Protein backbone atom coordinates (compact mmCIF):
# COMPACT_ATOMS: atom_id res chain seq x y z
CA MET A 1 -10.84 3.06 12.81
CA TYR A 2 -14.33 3.56 11.35
CA LEU A 3 -16.82 6.27 10.47
CA GLY A 4 -19.64 7.16 12.92
CA LYS A 5 -22.45 9.50 13.54
CA VAL A 6 -22.43 11.68 16.76
CA ILE A 7 -25.68 11.15 18.57
CA GLY A 8 -24.91 13.71 21.23
CA PRO A 9 -23.06 14.61 24.23
CA VAL A 10 -22.25 12.50 27.42
CA VAL A 11 -22.35 14.27 30.66
CA CYS A 12 -20.34 12.92 33.69
CA SER A 13 -20.53 14.40 37.20
CA VAL A 14 -17.48 12.33 38.28
CA LYS A 15 -14.61 11.37 36.09
CA ASP A 16 -10.77 10.78 35.96
CA PRO A 17 -8.98 14.02 36.60
CA THR A 18 -7.26 13.71 33.14
CA LEU A 19 -10.65 13.82 31.44
CA GLU A 20 -11.52 17.25 33.02
CA GLY A 21 -12.33 19.85 30.26
CA ARG A 22 -12.64 17.17 27.60
CA LYS A 23 -15.86 16.72 25.73
CA LEU A 24 -17.38 13.23 25.64
CA LEU A 25 -19.63 12.24 22.69
CA LEU A 26 -21.87 9.07 22.08
CA VAL A 27 -20.98 7.97 18.64
CA ARG A 28 -22.82 5.21 16.60
CA ARG A 29 -20.73 3.34 14.25
CA LEU A 30 -21.96 3.57 10.61
CA PRO A 31 -24.01 1.79 9.09
CA GLY A 32 -26.16 1.09 11.99
CA GLY A 33 -23.66 -0.48 14.45
CA PRO A 34 -23.26 -0.15 18.24
CA ALA A 35 -22.72 3.13 20.02
CA VAL A 36 -19.53 4.07 21.90
CA VAL A 37 -18.49 6.92 24.33
CA ALA A 38 -15.55 8.71 22.53
CA ILE A 39 -13.41 11.77 23.56
CA ASP A 40 -13.62 14.56 21.06
CA SER A 41 -10.39 16.05 19.97
CA VAL A 42 -11.72 17.97 17.09
CA GLY A 43 -14.81 19.90 18.14
CA ALA A 44 -17.43 17.66 16.62
CA GLY A 45 -21.21 18.13 17.46
CA ALA A 46 -24.40 16.27 17.27
CA GLY A 47 -25.51 14.98 13.84
CA GLU A 48 -21.98 15.15 12.42
CA THR A 49 -20.14 12.16 10.60
CA VAL A 50 -16.81 11.67 12.29
CA TYR A 51 -13.77 9.30 11.98
CA VAL A 52 -13.27 7.48 15.18
CA CYS A 53 -9.86 5.81 16.30
CA ARG A 54 -10.14 2.83 18.63
CA GLY A 55 -7.62 1.03 20.87
CA ARG A 56 -4.28 2.04 22.19
CA GLU A 57 -3.95 4.48 19.29
CA ALA A 58 -6.98 6.47 20.50
CA ALA A 59 -4.87 8.07 23.39
CA PHE A 60 -2.22 9.22 20.77
CA ALA A 61 -4.24 12.42 19.87
CA PHE A 62 -3.65 13.76 23.28
CA LYS A 63 0.26 13.14 23.56
CA PRO A 64 2.24 13.79 25.49
CA GLN A 65 -0.55 13.58 28.24
CA GLU A 66 -1.81 10.10 29.26
CA VAL A 67 -5.52 9.96 28.60
CA PRO A 68 -7.56 6.87 29.47
CA THR A 69 -9.61 6.41 26.39
CA GLU A 70 -10.75 3.46 24.20
CA ALA A 71 -12.21 5.72 21.39
CA THR A 72 -11.28 9.21 20.17
CA VAL A 73 -13.08 11.20 17.43
CA VAL A 74 -9.99 12.36 15.29
CA ALA A 75 -11.80 13.86 12.15
CA ILE A 76 -15.00 15.55 11.00
CA VAL A 77 -16.07 14.14 7.67
CA ASP A 78 -17.01 16.80 4.98
CA VAL A 79 -17.94 14.52 2.10
CA ILE A 80 -18.14 10.73 1.21
CA ASP A 81 -17.76 9.98 -2.26
CA ARG A 82 -19.17 6.71 -3.26
CA GLN A 83 -18.35 5.79 -6.79
C-alpha cells in the first residue's frame, strides 16, 4: 500500500465484463514514482492524493464479487501531517 496522486481517468472501449461500470484511474506513486492503472472504490478524482492497495488484497474492496485488479484506490487522503 502506498500514497499516490490521481493523474486522470483511463477510458477503455473494451474491458472485462466484471469491470463494467467501474471507474479506472491513472495514479502516480508519491513521491515521483511510476504510474499504475487502479480501480476506484471511493469516488476519487484528478489531482487528489489517494491511498492505493496493491496485489491480491486490491480485490478485497469489491467482495464478494471477483474483480480482476492489481491496484485499487481505497481511500482519499485529506491531510498529511509531517512532524
